[in-house]
Structure formats: C-alpha cells, structure tokens
Amino acid sequence: MTIEEEMFRLPNLKHIGIALVQFVYSLHKETFVKTTTDWIYNPKFVAFGFPKRSETISLHIDVDYPTDIDEKDLRILPLYAGHHYPKCLITEPRQLACATRYVEAAYRRNAFRKRRS
C-alpha cells in the first residue's frame, strides 16, 4: 500500500491528504517510507499517520516551535508535543492552508540545516 492509497481511504479528507502529499513532493523529490505507524518522508522533515477509529491525518513536522509557526495558524490547527517532533491532527478541510505552511516551515528548517553542515 502507498501513502496515496491510505489517503484515499479517508472519505472526507482524501483530497486534503493527497494535496498535502503532492505539496511535499513539490518541495523535494524523494519518497515516503512506511514504518510501523507512520509514513516518513526522506529527508525526515515530515511524517503522516492515520489514527485508528477516526478520520484524522496525524501530521508530524520538524519545526522550531513556536518560532516557525504563526499564532493565527495555531488557532485553526493546534500543535502538540509529539514523540520526536511537534504534531497536529487534521480533522477538517479548512486546516489545509495551515498544514501546508507547517510543512513548508519544516522543509525550510531541514534545508537550512543541510546548507550549514
């Protein structure tokens, strides 16, 4: 199964999920790797998960919270402490714009780190 196939299993969020995956691909041409619970993008600046029993997309992002995140976005799509990185739960289409800004902030942070090393 691919990440796109998993996204298509979400009746109300499938188009949001596919848009996020395509946005990640537009930033950097690599692939998602399935772990036990999540799909991790290589380089590791973003991961998606699909909690059981709910139509939700769990988005894990490698950002410098709160520096990289706009306060207005946090009202629409709150961030929580994740295992390694902050995460948010996408539950409705109106959160797409915030999620793409979070992904782009994670991508920029990762690209900046690579340039410095």
PDB file of N, CA and C in Angstrom:
ATOM      1  N   MET A   1       0.839  -1.179   0.000  1.00  0.00           N
ATOM      2  CA  MET A   1       0.000   0.000   0.000  1.00  0.00           C
ATOM      3  C   MET A   1       0.890   1.251   0.000  1.00  0.00           C
ATOM      4  N   THR A   2       0.470   2.264  -0.723  1.00  0.00           N
ATOM      5  CA  THR A   2       1.203   3.528  -0.768  1.00  0.00           C
ATOM      6  C   THR A   2       0.520   4.544   0.145  1.00  0.00           C
ATOM      7  N   ILE A   3       1.205   5.641   0.386  1.00  0.00           N
ATOM      8  CA  ILE A   3       0.586   6.691   1.204  1.00  0.00           C
ATOM      9  C   ILE A   3      -0.648   7.261   0.502  1.00  0.00           C
ATOM     10  N   GLU A   4      -0.594   7.354  -0.816  1.00  0.00           N
ATOM     11  CA  GLU A   4      -1.753   7.854  -1.556  1.00  0.00           C
ATOM     12  C   GLU A   4      -2.959   6.931  -1.368  1.00  0.00           C
ATOM     13  N   GLU A   5      -2.735   5.627  -1.393  1.00  0.00           N
ATOM     14  CA  GLU A   5      -3.835   4.676  -1.176  1.00  0.00           C
ATOM     15  C   GLU A   5      -4.408   4.822   0.230  1.00  0.00           C
ATOM     16  N   GLU A   6      -3.550   5.055   1.208  1.00  0.00           N
ATOM     17  CA  GLU A   6      -4.048   5.272   2.576  1.00  0.00           C
ATOM     18  C   GLU A   6      -4.878   6.543   2.648  1.00  0.00           C
ATOM     19  N   MET A   7      -4.440   7.590   1.959  1.00  0.00           N
ATOM     20  CA  MET A   7      -5.203   8.842   1.955  1.00  0.00           C
ATOM     21  C   MET A   7      -6.581   8.637   1.332  1.00  0.00           C
ATOM     22  N   PHE A   8      -6.654   7.837   0.270  1.00  0.00           N
ATOM     23  CA  PHE A   8      -7.936   7.606  -0.398  1.00  0.00           C
ATOM     24  C   PHE A   8      -8.919   6.820   0.464  1.00  0.00           C
ATOM     25  N   ARG A   9      -8.466   6.244   1.552  1.00  0.00           N
ATOM     26  CA  ARG A   9      -9.356   5.515   2.455  1.00  0.00           C
ATOM     27  C   ARG A   9     -10.107   6.460   3.395  1.00  0.00           C
ATOM     28  N   LEU A  10      -9.763   7.742   3.382  1.00  0.00           N
ATOM     29  CA  LEU A  10     -10.420   8.733   4.240  1.00  0.00           C
ATOM     30  C   LEU A  10     -11.522   9.433   3.437  1.00  0.00           C
ATOM     31  N   PRO A  11     -12.784   9.109   3.678  1.00  0.00           N
ATOM     32  CA  PRO A  11     -13.860   9.635   2.835  1.00  0.00           C
ATOM     33  C   PRO A  11     -13.901  11.163   2.722  1.00  0.00           C
ATOM     34  N   ASN A  12     -13.762  11.875   3.828  1.00  0.00           N
ATOM     35  CA  ASN A  12     -13.905  13.330   3.807  1.00  0.00           C
ATOM     36  C   ASN A  12     -12.585  14.086   3.732  1.00  0.00           C
ATOM     37  N   LEU A  13     -11.470  13.402   3.935  1.00  0.00           N
ATOM     38  CA  LEU A  13     -10.168  14.075   3.937  1.00  0.00           C
ATOM     39  C   LEU A  13      -9.237  13.605   2.828  1.00  0.00           C
ATOM     40  N   LYS A  14      -9.725  12.737   1.935  1.00  0.00           N
ATOM     41  CA  LYS A  14      -8.821  12.167   0.930  1.00  0.00           C
ATOM     42  C   LYS A  14      -8.188  13.233   0.043  1.00  0.00           C
ATOM     43  N   HIS A  15      -8.965  14.224  -0.370  1.00  0.00           N
ATOM     44  CA  HIS A  15      -8.411  15.258  -1.251  1.00  0.00           C
ATOM     45  C   HIS A  15      -7.437  16.165  -0.492  1.00  0.00           C
ATOM     46  N   ILE A  16      -7.715  16.405   0.765  1.00  0.00           N
ATOM     47  CA  ILE A  16      -6.800  17.188   1.609  1.00  0.00           C
ATOM     48  C   ILE A  16      -5.489  16.429   1.754  1.00  0.00           C
ATOM     49  N   GLY A  17      -5.586  15.139   2.051  1.00  0.00           N
ATOM     50  CA  GLY A  17      -4.389  14.311   2.212  1.00  0.00           C
ATOM     51  C   GLY A  17      -3.557  14.234   0.946  1.00  0.00           C
ATOM     52  N   ILE A  18      -4.209  14.014  -0.186  1.00  0.00           N
ATOM     53  CA  ILE A  18      -3.482  13.946  -1.459  1.00  0.00           C
ATOM     54  C   ILE A  18      -2.828  15.289  -1.766  1.00  0.00           C
ATOM     55  N   ALA A  19      -3.518  16.386  -1.495  1.00  0.00           N
ATOM     56  CA  ALA A  19      -2.928  17.714  -1.720  1.00  0.00           C
ATOM     57  C   ALA A  19      -1.674  17.901  -0.869  1.00  0.00           C
ATOM     58  N   LEU A  20      -1.710  17.451   0.377  1.00  0.00           N
ATOM     59  CA  LEU A  20      -0.532  17.570   1.244  1.00  0.00           C
ATOM     60  C   LEU A  20       0.629  16.725   0.733  1.00  0.00           C
ATOM     61  N   VAL A  21       0.333  15.510   0.312  1.00  0.00           N
ATOM     62  CA  VAL A  21       1.386  14.634  -0.222  1.00  0.00           C
ATOM     63  C   VAL A  21       1.999  15.259  -1.474  1.00  0.00           C
ATOM     64  N   GLN A  22       1.166  15.762  -2.373  1.00  0.00           N
ATOM     65  CA  GLN A  22       1.680  16.400  -3.586  1.00  0.00           C
ATOM     66  C   GLN A  22       2.500  17.646  -3.255  1.00  0.00           C
ATOM     67  N   PHE A  23       2.086  18.376  -2.234  1.00  0.00           N
ATOM     68  CA  PHE A  23       2.848  19.550  -1.818  1.00  0.00           C
ATOM     69  C   PHE A  23       4.235  19.139  -1.320  1.00  0.00           C
ATOM     70  N   VAL A  24       4.299  18.074  -0.531  1.00  0.00           N
ATOM     71  CA  VAL A  24       5.601  17.575  -0.051  1.00  0.00           C
ATOM     72  C   VAL A  24       6.472  17.186  -1.238  1.00  0.00           C
ATOM     73  N   TYR A  25       5.907  16.457  -2.196  1.00  0.00           N
ATOM     74  CA  TYR A  25       6.670  16.063  -3.387  1.00  0.00           C
ATOM     75  C   TYR A  25       7.179  17.285  -4.158  1.00  0.00           C
ATOM     76  N   SER A  26       6.408  18.364  -4.172  1.00  0.00           N
ATOM     77  CA  SER A  26       6.832  19.560  -4.912  1.00  0.00           C
ATOM     78  C   SER A  26       8.026  20.252  -4.256  1.00  0.00           C
ATOM     79  N   LEU A  27       8.197  20.059  -2.963  1.00  0.00           N
ATOM     80  CA  LEU A  27       9.310  20.684  -2.251  1.00  0.00           C
ATOM     81  C   LEU A  27      10.613  19.927  -2.438  1.00  0.00           C
ATOM     82  N   HIS A  28      10.514  18.606  -2.481  1.00  0.00           N
ATOM     83  CA  HIS A  28      11.728  17.783  -2.545  1.00  0.00           C
ATOM     84  C   HIS A  28      11.351  16.431  -3.140  1.00  0.00           C
ATOM     85  N   LYS A  29      12.074  15.988  -4.134  1.00  0.00           N
ATOM     86  CA  LYS A  29      11.747  14.737  -4.834  1.00  0.00           C
ATOM     87  C   LYS A  29      12.375  13.538  -4.128  1.00  0.00           C
ATOM     88  N   GLU A  30      11.641  12.939  -3.258  1.00  0.00           N
ATOM     89  CA  GLU A  30      12.052  11.697  -2.588  1.00  0.00           C
ATOM     90  C   GLU A  30      10.822  10.821  -2.422  1.00  0.00           C
ATOM     91  N   THR A  31      10.847   9.927  -1.457  1.00  0.00           N
ATOM     92  CA  THR A  31       9.728   9.008  -1.270  1.00  0.00           C
ATOM     93  C   THR A  31       9.353   8.892   0.201  1.00  0.00           C
ATOM     94  N   PHE A  32       8.131   8.436   0.415  1.00  0.00           N
ATOM     95  CA  PHE A  32       7.663   8.123   1.759  1.00  0.00           C
ATOM     96  C   PHE A  32       8.013   6.676   2.069  1.00  0.00           C
ATOM     97  N   VAL A  33       8.413   6.427   3.303  1.00  0.00           N
ATOM     98  CA  VAL A  33       8.738   5.079   3.762  1.00  0.00           C
ATOM     99  C   VAL A  33       7.777   4.732   4.892  1.00  0.00           C
ATOM    100  N   LYS A  34       7.155   3.575   4.804  1.00  0.00           N
ATOM    101  CA  LYS A  34       6.197   3.137   5.820  1.00  0.00           C
ATOM    102  C   LYS A  34       6.937   2.539   7.001  1.00  0.00           C
ATOM    103  N   THR A  35       6.641   3.036   8.203  1.00  0.00           N
ATOM    104  CA  THR A  35       7.137   2.424   9.433  1.00  0.00           C
ATOM    105  C   THR A  35       5.958   1.699  10.067  1.00  0.00           C
ATOM    106  N   THR A  36       6.102   1.289  11.281  1.00  0.00           N
ATOM    107  CA  THR A  36       5.016   0.576  11.949  1.00  0.00           C
ATOM    108  C   THR A  36       3.738   1.406  12.000  1.00  0.00           C
ATOM    109  N   THR A  37       3.869   2.681  12.315  1.00  0.00           N
ATOM    110  CA  THR A  37       2.669   3.505  12.495  1.00  0.00           C
ATOM    111  C   THR A  37       2.550   4.689  11.546  1.00  0.00           C
ATOM    112  N   ASP A  38       3.629   5.125  10.933  1.00  0.00           N
ATOM    113  CA  ASP A  38       3.605   6.353  10.144  1.00  0.00           C
ATOM    114  C   ASP A  38       4.271   6.183   8.784  1.00  0.00           C
ATOM    115  N   TRP A  39       4.033   7.159   7.928  1.00  0.00           N
ATOM    116  CA  TRP A  39       4.732   7.295   6.654  1.00  0.00           C
ATOM    117  C   TRP A  39       5.715   8.440   6.819  1.00  0.00           C
ATOM    118  N   ILE A  40       7.003   8.164   6.763  1.00  0.00           N
ATOM    119  CA  ILE A  40       8.042   9.168   6.966  1.00  0.00           C
ATOM    120  C   ILE A  40       8.659   9.521   5.621  1.00  0.00           C
ATOM    121  N   TYR A  41       8.786  10.814   5.383  1.00  0.00           N
ATOM    122  CA  TYR A  41       9.393  11.293   4.140  1.00  0.00           C
ATOM    123  C   TYR A  41      10.892  11.408   4.343  1.00  0.00           C
ATOM    124  N   ASN A  42      11.628  11.013   3.329  1.00  0.00           N
ATOM    125  CA  ASN A  42      13.077  11.115   3.402  1.00  0.00           C
ATOM    126  C   ASN A  42      13.501  12.245   2.481  1.00  0.00           C
ATOM    127  N   PRO A  43      14.082  13.343   2.933  1.00  0.00           N
ATOM    128  CA  PRO A  43      14.637  13.590   4.261  1.00  0.00           C
ATOM    129  C   PRO A  43      13.537  13.785   5.309  1.00  0.00           C
ATOM    130  N   LYS A  44      13.878  13.504   6.521  1.00  0.00           N
ATOM    131  CA  LYS A  44      12.894  13.406   7.601  1.00  0.00           C
ATOM    132  C   LYS A  44      12.463  14.771   8.140  1.00  0.00           C
ATOM    133  N   PHE A  45      11.681  15.489   7.356  1.00  0.00           N
ATOM    134  CA  PHE A  45      11.142  16.748   7.861  1.00  0.00           C
ATOM    135  C   PHE A  45       9.635  16.682   8.076  1.00  0.00           C
ATOM    136  N   VAL A  46       9.002  15.602   7.602  1.00  0.00           N
ATOM    137  CA  VAL A  46       7.563  15.459   7.752  1.00  0.00           C
ATOM    138  C   VAL A  46       7.194  13.975   7.773  1.00  0.00           C
ATOM    139  N   ALA A  47       6.117  13.666   8.514  1.00  0.00           N
ATOM    140  CA  ALA A  47       5.577  12.299   8.542  1.00  0.00           C
ATOM    141  C   ALA A  47       4.060  12.388   8.683  1.00  0.00           C
ATOM    142  N   PHE A  48       3.383  11.406   8.116  1.00  0.00           N
ATOM    143  CA  PHE A  48       1.933  11.321   8.213  1.00  0.00           C
ATOM    144  C   PHE A  48       1.554  10.022   8.906  1.00  0.00           C
ATOM    145  N   GLY A  49       0.514  10.095   9.724  1.00  0.00           N
ATOM    146  CA  GLY A  49      -0.031   8.908  10.365  1.00  0.00           C
ATOM    147  C   GLY A  49      -1.545   8.930  10.248  1.00  0.00           C
ATOM    148  N   PHE A  50      -2.143   7.776  10.484  1.00  0.00           N
ATOM    149  CA  PHE A  50      -3.585   7.643  10.358  1.00  0.00           C
ATOM    150  C   PHE A  50      -4.120   6.930  11.595  1.00  0.00           C
ATOM    151  N   PRO A  51      -4.503   7.689  12.624  1.00  0.00           N
ATOM    152  CA  PRO A  51      -5.015   7.064  13.846  1.00  0.00           C
ATOM    153  C   PRO A  51      -6.223   6.176  13.550  1.00  0.00           C
ATOM    154  N   LYS A  52      -6.256   5.047  14.213  1.00  0.00           N
ATOM    155  CA  LYS A  52      -7.369   4.109  14.036  1.00  0.00           C
ATOM    156  C   LYS A  52      -8.655   4.704  14.603  1.00  0.00           C
ATOM    157  N   ARG A  53      -9.753   4.268  14.074  1.00  0.00           N
ATOM    158  CA  ARG A  53     -11.097   4.613  14.534  1.00  0.00           C
ATOM    159  C   ARG A  53     -11.476   6.088  14.409  1.00  0.00           C
ATOM    160  N   SER A  54     -10.745   6.847  13.628  1.00  0.00           N
ATOM    161  CA  SER A  54     -11.155   8.233  13.398  1.00  0.00           C
ATOM    162  C   SER A  54     -10.675   8.669  12.021  1.00  0.00           C
ATOM    163  N   GLU A  55     -11.424   9.558  11.431  1.00  0.00           N
ATOM    164  CA  GLU A  55     -10.993  10.092  10.142  1.00  0.00           C
ATOM    165  C   GLU A  55     -10.120  11.310  10.420  1.00  0.00           C
ATOM    166  N   THR A  56      -8.845  11.027  10.619  1.00  0.00           N
ATOM    167  CA  THR A  56      -7.877  12.045  11.009  1.00  0.00           C
ATOM    168  C   THR A  56      -6.553  11.769  10.322  1.00  0.00           C
ATOM    169  N   ILE A  57      -5.856  12.834   9.960  1.00  0.00           N
ATOM    170  CA  ILE A  57      -4.486  12.719   9.465  1.00  0.00           C
ATOM    171  C   ILE A  57      -3.585  13.319  10.533  1.00  0.00           C
ATOM    172  N   SER A  58      -2.680  12.522  11.031  1.00  0.00           N
ATOM    173  CA  SER A  58      -1.706  12.996  12.008  1.00  0.00           C
ATOM    174  C   SER A  58      -0.477  13.479  11.244  1.00  0.00           C
ATOM    175  N   LEU A  59      -0.127  14.741  11.432  1.00  0.00           N
ATOM    176  CA  LEU A  59       0.998  15.348  10.725  1.00  0.00           C
ATOM    177  C   LEU A  59       2.099  15.654  11.732  1.00  0.00           C
ATOM    178  N   HIS A  60       3.262  15.036  11.547  1.00  0.00           N
ATOM    179  CA  HIS A  60       4.432  15.278  12.395  1.00  0.00           C
ATOM    180  C   HIS A  60       5.396  16.143  11.593  1.00  0.00           C
ATOM    181  N   ILE A  61       5.850  17.240  12.188  1.00  0.00           N
ATOM    182  CA  ILE A  61       6.709  18.168  11.452  1.00  0.00           C
ATOM    183  C   ILE A  61       7.917  18.560  12.288  1.00  0.00           C
ATOM    184  N   ASP A  62       9.050  18.652  11.634  1.00  0.00           N
ATOM    185  CA  ASP A  62      10.289  19.063  12.290  1.00  0.00           C
ATOM    186  C   ASP A  62      10.421  20.577  12.162  1.00  0.00           C
ATOM    187  N   VAL A  63       9.809  21.298  13.104  1.00  0.00           N
ATOM    188  CA  VAL A  63       9.871  22.759  13.099  1.00  0.00           C
ATOM    189  C   VAL A  63      10.385  23.262  14.439  1.00  0.00           C
ATOM    190  N   ASP A  64      10.845  24.484  14.428  1.00  0.00           N
ATOM    191  CA  ASP A  64      11.242  25.154  15.660  1.00  0.00           C
ATOM    192  C   ASP A  64      10.000  25.850  16.196  1.00  0.00           C
ATOM    193  N   TYR A  65       9.316  25.166  17.073  1.00  0.00           N
ATOM    194  CA  TYR A  65       8.062  25.685  17.619  1.00  0.00           C
ATOM    195  C   TYR A  65       8.378  26.513  18.849  1.00  0.00           C
ATOM    196  N   PRO A  66       7.890  27.712  19.025  1.00  0.00           N
ATOM    197  CA  PRO A  66       6.899  28.430  18.224  1.00  0.00           C
ATOM    198  C   PRO A  66       7.489  29.383  17.193  1.00  0.00           C
ATOM    199  N   THR A  67       8.808  29.447  17.062  1.00  0.00           N
ATOM    200  CA  THR A  67       9.450  30.429  16.182  1.00  0.00           C
ATOM    201  C   THR A  67       8.958  30.353  14.740  1.00  0.00           C
ATOM    202  N   ASP A  68       8.851  29.152  14.183  1.00  0.00           N
ATOM    203  CA  ASP A  68       8.498  28.979  12.769  1.00  0.00           C
ATOM    204  C   ASP A  68       6.998  29.019  12.488  1.00  0.00           C
ATOM    205  N   ILE A  69       6.177  29.123  13.527  1.00  0.00           N
ATOM    206  CA  ILE A  69       4.735  28.954  13.368  1.00  0.00           C
ATOM    207  C   ILE A  69       3.995  30.247  13.704  1.00  0.00           C
ATOM    208  N   ASP A  70       3.040  30.611  12.855  1.00  0.00           N
ATOM    209  CA  ASP A  70       2.217  31.803  13.060  1.00  0.00           C
ATOM    210  C   ASP A  70       1.124  31.499  14.089  1.00  0.00           C
ATOM    211  N   GLU A  71       0.917  32.427  14.992  1.00  0.00           N
ATOM    212  CA  GLU A  71      -0.096  32.286  16.045  1.00  0.00           C
ATOM    213  C   GLU A  71      -1.498  32.058  15.466  1.00  0.00           C
ATOM    214  N   LYS A  72      -1.814  32.697  14.343  1.00  0.00           N
ATOM    215  CA  LYS A  72      -3.138  32.532  13.723  1.00  0.00           C
ATOM    216  C   LYS A  72      -3.348  31.093  13.263  1.00  0.00           C
ATOM    217  N   ASP A  73      -2.292  30.477  12.731  1.00  0.00           N
ATOM    218  CA  ASP A  73      -2.402  29.084  12.290  1.00  0.00           C
ATOM    219  C   ASP A  73      -2.659  28.153  13.468  1.00  0.00           C
ATOM    220  N   LEU A  74      -2.059  28.463  14.604  1.00  0.00           N
ATOM    221  CA  LEU A  74      -2.229  27.603  15.781  1.00  0.00           C
ATOM    222  C   LEU A  74      -3.668  27.580  16.274  1.00  0.00           C
ATOM    223  N   ARG A  75      -4.416  28.644  16.010  1.00  0.00           N
ATOM    224  CA  ARG A  75      -5.825  28.658  16.414  1.00  0.00           C
ATOM    225  C   ARG A  75      -6.652  27.694  15.568  1.00  0.00           C
ATOM    226  N   ILE A  76      -6.262  27.534  14.319  1.00  0.00           N
ATOM    227  CA  ILE A  76      -7.007  26.657  13.408  1.00  0.00           C
ATOM    228  C   ILE A  76      -6.491  25.224  13.469  1.00  0.00           C
ATOM    229  N   LEU A  77      -5.170  25.071  13.593  1.00  0.00           N
ATOM    230  CA  LEU A  77      -4.555  23.741  13.606  1.00  0.00           C
ATOM    231  C   LEU A  77      -3.504  23.700  14.722  1.00  0.00           C
ATOM    232  N   PRO A  78      -3.942  23.404  15.955  1.00  0.00           N
ATOM    233  CA  PRO A  78      -3.019  23.418  17.096  1.00  0.00           C
ATOM    234  C   PRO A  78      -1.931  22.351  16.976  1.00  0.00           C
ATOM    235  N   LEU A  79      -0.751  22.685  17.472  1.00  0.00           N
ATOM    236  CA  LEU A  79       0.370  21.741  17.538  1.00  0.00           C
ATOM    237  C   LEU A  79       0.468  21.174  18.944  1.00  0.00           C
ATOM    238  N   TYR A  80       0.855  19.910  19.021  1.00  0.00           N
ATOM    239  CA  TYR A  80       1.038  19.217  20.291  1.00  0.00           C
ATOM    240  C   TYR A  80       2.433  18.619  20.323  1.00  0.00           C
ATOM    241  N   ALA A  81       2.878  18.284  21.513  1.00  0.00           N
ATOM    242  CA  ALA A  81       4.170  17.605  21.637  1.00  0.00           C
ATOM    243  C   ALA A  81       4.022  16.194  21.084  1.00  0.00           C
ATOM    244  N   GLY A  82       4.858  15.851  20.115  1.00  0.00           N
ATOM    245  CA  GLY A  82       4.875  14.502  19.562  1.00  0.00           C
ATOM    246  C   GLY A  82       6.032  13.724  20.155  1.00  0.00           C
ATOM    247  N   HIS A  83       6.220  12.502  19.701  1.00  0.00           N
ATOM    248  CA  HIS A  83       7.295  11.660  20.225  1.00  0.00           C
ATOM    249  C   HIS A  83       8.660  12.282  19.941  1.00  0.00           C
ATOM    250  N   HIS A  84       8.912  12.654  18.703  1.00  0.00           N
ATOM    251  CA  HIS A  84      10.171  13.306  18.332  1.00  0.00           C
ATOM    252  C   HIS A  84       9.961  14.751  17.889  1.00  0.00           C
ATOM    253  N   TYR A  85       8.851  15.016  17.221  1.00  0.00           N
ATOM    254  CA  TYR A  85       8.581  16.328  16.644  1.00  0.00           C
ATOM    255  C   TYR A  85       7.176  16.774  17.029  1.00  0.00           C
ATOM    256  N   PRO A  86       6.903  18.080  16.917  1.00  0.00           N
ATOM    257  CA  PRO A  86       5.523  18.529  17.134  1.00  0.00           C
ATOM    258  C   PRO A  86       4.588  17.864  16.123  1.00  0.00           C
ATOM    259  N   LYS A  87       3.336  17.695  16.536  1.00  0.00           N
ATOM    260  CA  LYS A  87       2.363  17.095  15.624  1.00  0.00           C
ATOM    261  C   LYS A  87       1.043  17.832  15.726  1.00  0.00           C
ATOM    262  N   CYS A  88       0.219  17.637  14.726  1.00  0.00           N
ATOM    263  CA  CYS A  88      -1.127  18.183  14.717  1.00  0.00           C
ATOM    264  C   CYS A  88      -2.052  17.138  14.113  1.00  0.00           C
ATOM    265  N   LEU A  89      -3.323  17.291  14.394  1.00  0.00           N
ATOM    266  CA  LEU A  89      -4.327  16.362  13.878  1.00  0.00           C
ATOM    267  C   LEU A  89      -5.245  17.106  12.916  1.00  0.00           C
ATOM    268  N   ILE A  90      -5.194  16.712  11.668  1.00  0.00           N
ATOM    269  CA  ILE A  90      -6.022  17.331  10.641  1.00  0.00           C
ATOM    270  C   ILE A  90      -7.357  16.597  10.623  1.00  0.00           C
ATOM    271  N   THR A  91      -8.424  17.345  10.909  1.00  0.00           N
ATOM    272  CA  THR A  91      -9.751  16.741  11.005  1.00  0.00           C
ATOM    273  C   THR A  91     -10.764  17.358  10.048  1.00  0.00           C
ATOM    274  N   GLU A  92     -10.389  18.481   9.431  1.00  0.00           N
ATOM    275  CA  GLU A  92     -11.332  19.142   8.524  1.00  0.00           C
ATOM    276  C   GLU A  92     -10.583  19.874   7.413  1.00  0.00           C
ATOM    277  N   PRO A  93     -11.236  20.046   6.267  1.00  0.00           N
ATOM    278  CA  PRO A  93     -10.583  20.658   5.111  1.00  0.00           C
ATOM    279  C   PRO A  93     -10.043  22.065   5.357  1.00  0.00           C
ATOM    280  N   ARG A  94     -10.675  22.845   6.216  1.00  0.00           N
ATOM    281  CA  ARG A  94     -10.220  24.229   6.421  1.00  0.00           C
ATOM    282  C   ARG A  94      -8.822  24.313   7.026  1.00  0.00           C
ATOM    283  N   GLN A  95      -8.273  23.194   7.474  1.00  0.00           N
ATOM    284  CA  GLN A  95      -6.937  23.178   8.067  1.00  0.00           C
ATOM    285  C   GLN A  95      -5.825  22.985   7.031  1.00  0.00           C
ATOM    286  N   LEU A  96      -6.188  22.804   5.772  1.00  0.00           N
ATOM    287  CA  LEU A  96      -5.192  22.540   4.726  1.00  0.00           C
ATOM    288  C   LEU A  96      -4.144  23.646   4.612  1.00  0.00           C
ATOM    289  N   ALA A  97      -4.563  24.897   4.576  1.00  0.00           N
ATOM    290  CA  ALA A  97      -3.608  26.000   4.412  1.00  0.00           C
ATOM    291  C   ALA A  97      -2.596  26.027   5.556  1.00  0.00           C
ATOM    292  N   CYS A  98      -3.066  25.839   6.782  1.00  0.00           N
ATOM    293  CA  CYS A  98      -2.152  25.814   7.936  1.00  0.00           C
ATOM    294  C   CYS A  98      -1.180  24.648   7.817  1.00  0.00           C
ATOM    295  N   ALA A  99      -1.690  23.488   7.441  1.00  0.00           N
ATOM    296  CA  ALA A  99      -0.838  22.299   7.322  1.00  0.00           C
ATOM    297  C   ALA A  99       0.254  22.512   6.278  1.00  0.00           C
ATOM    298  N   THR A 100      -0.082  23.136   5.151  1.00  0.00           N
ATOM    299  CA  THR A 100       0.950  23.372   4.131  1.00  0.00           C
ATOM    300  C   THR A 100       1.993  24.366   4.632  1.00  0.00           C
ATOM    301  N   ARG A 101       1.588  25.357   5.404  1.00  0.00           N
ATOM    302  CA  ARG A 101       2.570  26.288   5.970  1.00  0.00           C
ATOM    303  C   ARG A 101       3.478  25.575   6.969  1.00  0.00           C
ATOM    304  N   TYR A 102       2.927  24.655   7.753  1.00  0.00           N
ATOM    305  CA  TYR A 102       3.746  23.881   8.693  1.00  0.00           C
ATOM    306  C   TYR A 102       4.763  23.023   7.934  1.00  0.00           C
ATOM    307  N   VAL A 103       4.299  22.364   6.877  1.00  0.00           N
ATOM    308  CA  VAL A 103       5.191  21.511   6.079  1.00  0.00           C
ATOM    309  C   VAL A 103       6.301  22.352   5.452  1.00  0.00           C
ATOM    310  N   GLU A 104       5.942  23.508   4.914  1.00  0.00           N
ATOM    311  CA  GLU A 104       6.968  24.358   4.298  1.00  0.00           C
ATOM    312  C   GLU A 104       7.974  24.858   5.335  1.00  0.00           C
ATOM    313  N   ALA A 105       7.517  25.191   6.533  1.00  0.00           N
ATOM    314  CA  ALA A 105       8.438  25.617   7.597  1.00  0.00           C
ATOM    315  C   ALA A 105       9.394  24.483   7.957  1.00  0.00           C
ATOM    316  N   ALA A 106       8.886  23.262   8.008  1.00  0.00           N
ATOM    317  CA  ALA A 106       9.743  22.104   8.304  1.00  0.00           C
ATOM    318  C   ALA A 106      10.750  21.878   7.183  1.00  0.00           C
ATOM    319  N   TYR A 107      10.303  22.026   5.951  1.00  0.00           N
ATOM    320  CA  TYR A 107      11.204  21.862   4.811  1.00  0.00           C
ATOM    321  C   TYR A 107      12.325  22.903   4.846  1.00  0.00           C
ATOM    322  N   ARG A 108      11.967  24.152   5.086  1.00  0.00           N
ATOM    323  CA  ARG A 108      12.982  25.219   5.142  1.00  0.00           C
ATOM    324  C   ARG A 108      13.978  24.984   6.268  1.00  0.00           C
ATOM    325  N   ARG A 109      13.486  24.541   7.406  1.00  0.00           N
ATOM    326  CA  ARG A 109      14.381  24.253   8.537  1.00  0.00           C
ATOM    327  C   ARG A 109      15.367  23.151   8.149  1.00  0.00           C
ATOM    328  N   ASN A 110      14.870  22.119   7.499  1.00  0.00           N
ATOM    329  CA  ASN A 110      15.712  20.998   7.078  1.00  0.00           C
ATOM    330  C   ASN A 110      16.729  21.451   6.031  1.00  0.00           C
ATOM    331  N   ALA A 111      16.289  22.246   5.056  1.00  0.00           N
ATOM    332  CA  ALA A 111      17.191  22.733   4.006  1.00  0.00           C
ATOM    333  C   ALA A 111      18.270  23.636   4.596  1.00  0.00           C
ATOM    334  N   PHE A 112      17.908  24.463   5.567  1.00  0.00           N
ATOM    335  CA  PHE A 112      18.876  25.348   6.214  1.00  0.00           C
ATOM    336  C   PHE A 112      19.924  24.533   6.965  1.00  0.00           C
ATOM    337  N   ARG A 113      19.474  23.486   7.655  1.00  0.00           N
ATOM    338  CA  ARG A 113      20.404  22.612   8.386  1.00  0.00           C
ATOM    339  C   ARG A 113      21.400  21.961   7.444  1.00  0.00           C
ATOM    340  N   LYS A 114      20.925  21.503   6.287  1.00  0.00           N
ATOM    341  CA  LYS A 114      21.812  20.831   5.324  1.00  0.00           C
ATOM    342  C   LYS A 114      22.847  21.794   4.761  1.00  0.00           C
ATOM    343  N   ARG A 115      22.448  23.040   4.513  1.00  0.00           N
ATOM    344  CA  ARG A 115      23.393  24.027   3.991  1.00  0.00           C
ATOM    345  C   ARG A 115      24.486  24.352   4.996  1.00  0.00           C
ATOM    346  N   ARG A 116      24.140  24.341   6.272  1.00  0.00           N
ATOM    347  CA  ARG A 116      25.107  24.695   7.310  1.00  0.00           C
ATOM    348  C   ARG A 116      26.101  23.579   7.576  1.00  0.00           C
ATOM    349  N   SER A 117      25.742  22.337   7.238  1.00  0.00           N
ATOM    350  CA  SER A 117      26.658  21.222   7.534  1.00  0.00           C
ATOM    351  C   SER A 117      27.566  20.882   6.389  1.00  0.00           C
TER     352      SER A 117
END
